[in-house]
C-alpha atoms as a PDB file:
ATOM      1  CA  MET A   1      -8.519   0.168  10.151  1.00  0.00           C
ATOM      2  CA  PHE A   2      -5.347   2.599  10.279  1.00  0.00           C
ATOM      3  CA  TYR A   3      -1.876   1.349  10.352  1.00  0.00           C
ATOM      4  CA  LYS A   4       1.434   3.074  10.369  1.00  0.00           C
ATOM      5  CA  ILE A   5       3.099   1.950   7.202  1.00  0.00           C
ATOM      6  CA  ASP A   6       5.674   0.446   9.134  1.00  0.00           C
ATOM      7  CA  ASP A   7       3.696  -1.940  10.991  1.00  0.00           C
ATOM      8  CA  LEU A   8       1.737  -2.798   7.514  1.00  0.00           C
ATOM      9  CA  ILE A   9       4.963  -3.529   5.695  1.00  0.00           C
ATOM     10  CA  GLU A  10       5.593  -5.809   8.532  1.00  0.00           C
ATOM     11  CA  LEU A  11       2.549  -7.578   8.230  1.00  0.00           C
ATOM     12  CA  VAL A  12       3.019  -7.983   4.513  1.00  0.00           C
ATOM     13  CA  LYS A  13       6.476  -9.179   5.001  1.00  0.00           C
ATOM     14  CA  CYS A  14       5.443 -11.904   7.111  1.00  0.00           C
ATOM     15  CA  LYS A  15       2.484 -12.648   5.018  1.00  0.00           C
ATOM     16  CA  ALA A  16      -0.198 -12.302   7.699  1.00  0.00           C
ATOM     17  CA  ASP A  17      -2.550 -10.428   5.383  1.00  0.00           C
ATOM     18  CA  ARG A  18      -2.756 -13.084   2.532  1.00  0.00           C
ATOM     19  CA  GLU A  19      -6.472 -14.042   3.207  1.00  0.00           C
ATOM     20  CA  ASP A  20      -7.579 -10.339   3.568  1.00  0.00           C
ATOM     21  CA  VAL A  21      -8.809  -8.210   0.505  1.00  0.00           C
ATOM     22  CA  TYR A  22      -8.076  -4.642   0.822  1.00  0.00           C
ATOM     23  CA  MET A  23      -6.814  -1.389  -0.537  1.00  0.00           C
ATOM     24  CA  VAL A  24      -4.462   0.936   0.994  1.00  0.00           C
ATOM     25  CA  TYR A  25      -5.528   4.599   1.202  1.00  0.00           C
ATOM     26  CA  ALA A  26      -3.506   7.806   2.163  1.00  0.00           C
ATOM     27  CA  PRO A  27      -4.432  11.362   2.422  1.00  0.00           C
ATOM     28  CA  ASN A  28      -5.514  13.238  -0.765  1.00  0.00           C
ATOM     29  CA  SER A  29      -2.380  14.455  -2.454  1.00  0.00           C
ATOM     30  CA  THR A  30       0.152  12.455  -0.679  1.00  0.00           C
ATOM     31  CA  ASP A  31       3.150  12.387  -2.935  1.00  0.00           C
ATOM     32  CA  ASP A  32       5.279   9.594  -1.255  1.00  0.00           C
ATOM     33  CA  LEU A  33       5.278   7.507   1.437  1.00  0.00           C
ATOM     34  CA  TYR A  34       7.413   8.186   4.546  1.00  0.00           C
ATOM     35  CA  PRO A  35       8.297   6.017   7.770  1.00  0.00           C
ATOM     36  CA  GLY A  36       5.824   6.324  10.420  1.00  0.00           C
ATOM     37  CA  MET A  37       3.204   7.626   8.379  1.00  0.00           C
ATOM     38  CA  VAL A  38      -0.505   6.625   8.991  1.00  0.00           C
ATOM     39  CA  VAL A  39      -2.470   4.764   6.041  1.00  0.00           C
ATOM     40  CA  TYR A  40      -5.869   3.525   6.074  1.00  0.00           C
ATOM     41  CA  VAL A  41      -6.294  -0.013   5.090  1.00  0.00           C
ATOM     42  CA  GLY A  42     -10.271  -0.934   4.092  1.00  0.00           C
ATOM     43  CA  ASP A  43     -12.539  -2.116   1.651  1.00  0.00           C
ATOM     44  CA  VAL A  44     -11.950  -2.166  -2.055  1.00  0.00           C
ATOM     45  CA  PRO A  45     -14.385   0.187  -4.326  1.00  0.00           C
ATOM     46  CA  ASP A  46     -17.548  -1.227  -5.771  1.00  0.00           C
ATOM     47  CA  PHE A  47     -18.385  -0.779  -9.501  1.00  0.00           C
ATOM     48  CA  ASP A  48     -21.983   0.216 -10.847  1.00  0.00           C
ATOM     49  CA  GLU A  49     -23.176  -1.300 -14.194  1.00  0.00           C
ATOM     50  CA  ASP A  50     -21.415   1.528 -16.186  1.00  0.00           C
ATOM     51  CA  ASP A  51     -18.059   0.356 -14.618  1.00  0.00           C
ATOM     52  CA  ASN A  52     -17.907   3.592 -12.247  1.00  0.00           C
ATOM     53  CA  GLU A  53     -15.841   3.295  -9.049  1.00  0.00           C
ATOM     54  CA  PHE A  54     -17.481   3.922  -5.773  1.00  0.00           C
ATOM     55  CA  PHE A  55     -15.687   4.074  -2.637  1.00  0.00           C
ATOM     56  CA  PRO A  56     -16.451   3.451   0.744  1.00  0.00           C
ATOM     57  CA  ASP A  57     -18.086   6.394   2.595  1.00  0.00           C
ATOM     58  CA  PHE A  58     -15.539   6.185   5.310  1.00  0.00           C
ATOM     59  CA  VAL A  59     -12.793   6.701   2.599  1.00  0.00           C
ATOM     60  CA  LYS A  60     -14.582   9.695   0.906  1.00  0.00           C
ATOM     61  CA  SER A  61     -15.490  11.220   4.209  1.00  0.00           C
ATOM     62  CA  LEU A  62     -11.986  11.509   5.425  1.00  0.00           C
ATOM     63  CA  ALA A  63     -10.595  12.840   1.948  1.00  0.00           C
ATOM     64  CA  LEU A  64      -8.580   9.406   1.495  1.00  0.00           C
ATOM     65  CA  GLU A  65      -7.232   8.339  -2.276  1.00  0.00           C
ATOM     66  CA  VAL A  66      -6.147   4.936  -3.253  1.00  0.00           C
ATOM     67  CA  CYS A  67      -2.488   4.649  -2.458  1.00  0.00           C
ATOM     68  CA  TYR A  68      -1.933   0.740  -3.524  1.00  0.00           C
ATOM     69  CA  MET A  69      -3.807  -2.124  -4.488  1.00  0.00           C
ATOM     70  CA  ARG A  70      -3.275  -5.075  -2.021  1.00  0.00           C
ATOM     71  CA  GLU A  71      -1.343  -7.154  -4.867  1.00  0.00           C
ATOM     72  CA  HIS A  72       0.881  -4.418  -5.868  1.00  0.00           C
ATOM     73  CA  PHE A  73       1.670  -3.522  -2.291  1.00  0.00           C
ATOM     74  CA  GLN A  74       2.354  -7.261  -1.370  1.00  0.00           C
ATOM     75  CA  ASP A  75       4.461  -7.835  -4.727  1.00  0.00           C
ATOM     76  CA  VAL A  76       6.719  -4.813  -4.164  1.00  0.00           C
ATOM     77  CA  VAL A  77       7.219  -5.752  -0.435  1.00  0.00           C
ATOM     78  CA  ASP A  78       7.807  -9.650  -1.287  1.00  0.00           C
ATOM     79  CA  LEU A  79      10.312  -8.711  -3.865  1.00  0.00           C
ATOM     80  CA  ALA A  80      12.128  -6.339  -1.635  1.00  0.00           C
ATOM     81  CA  TYR A  81      12.237  -8.705   1.118  1.00  0.00           C
ATOM     82  CA  LYS A  82      13.238 -11.660  -1.171  1.00  0.00           C
ATOM     83  CA  GLN A  83      16.330  -9.514  -2.496  1.00  0.00           C
ATOM     84  CA  LYS A  84      17.204  -8.133   0.699  1.00  0.00           C
ATOM     85  CA  PRO A  85      15.723  -9.939   3.930  1.00  0.00           C
ATOM     86  CA  SER A  86      17.633  -7.385   6.182  1.00  0.00           C
ATOM     87  CA  ALA A  87      16.179  -4.268   4.493  1.00  0.00           C
ATOM     88  CA  SER A  88      15.009  -1.348   6.433  1.00  0.00           C
ATOM     89  CA  ILE A  89      11.553   0.024   6.618  1.00  0.00           C
ATOM     90  CA  ASP A  90      13.120   3.094   4.803  1.00  0.00           C
ATOM     91  CA  GLU A  91      14.360   0.600   2.120  1.00  0.00           C
ATOM     92  CA  PHE A  92      10.919  -0.794   1.441  1.00  0.00           C
ATOM     93  CA  ILE A  93       9.495   2.520   1.533  1.00  0.00           C
ATOM     94  CA  LYS A  94      11.967   3.594  -1.218  1.00  0.00           C
ATOM     95  CA  CYS A  95      10.737   0.534  -3.316  1.00  0.00           C
ATOM     96  CA  LEU A  96       7.005   1.256  -2.871  1.00  0.00           C
ATOM     97  CA  ASN A  97       7.412   4.933  -3.778  1.00  0.00           C
ATOM     98  CA  HIS A  98       9.641   3.889  -6.795  1.00  0.00           C
ATOM     99  CA  TYR A  99       6.913   1.615  -7.852  1.00  0.00           C
ATOM    100  CA  ALA A 100       4.097   4.115  -7.600  1.00  0.00           C
ATOM    101  CA  ALA A 101       6.265   6.440  -9.514  1.00  0.00           C
ATOM    102  CA  HIS A 102       7.524   4.243 -12.130  1.00  0.00           C
ATOM    103  CA  ASP A 103       5.416   1.066 -12.362  1.00  0.00           C
ATOM    104  CA  ASP A 104       8.700  -0.876 -12.006  1.00  0.00           C
ATOM    105  CA  PHE A 105      10.538  -2.642  -9.306  1.00  0.00           C
ATOM    106  CA  LEU A 106      13.622  -1.221  -7.605  1.00  0.00           C
ATOM    107  CA  ASP A 107      16.558  -3.615  -7.181  1.00  0.00           C
ATOM    108  CA  LEU A 108      17.939  -3.635  -3.638  1.00  0.00           C
ATOM    109  CA  HIS A 109      21.262  -5.424  -4.481  1.00  0.00           C
END
């Protein structure tokens, strides 16, 4: 399913996605998330007996790549919301981009 990143952040912030298992995919060669960006939220890849990943056909056909694992996306949004409940979408996206680039959480204090 396609979501605007803003809407996906709101779902995660409200914890409306906690029963689902998913990956967040973005167009290939996307460097940073940005407000209003459309991402694909879909199935996680499968693995063969040699531990090679096989992505869903839909992901391959649209030239998408993994942007975030569900757990990491949730962790970044949850921490940002805990630090600053009034954070703007821009601030959440800044935190997500920081985590993607540095594998580290950004403080919003």
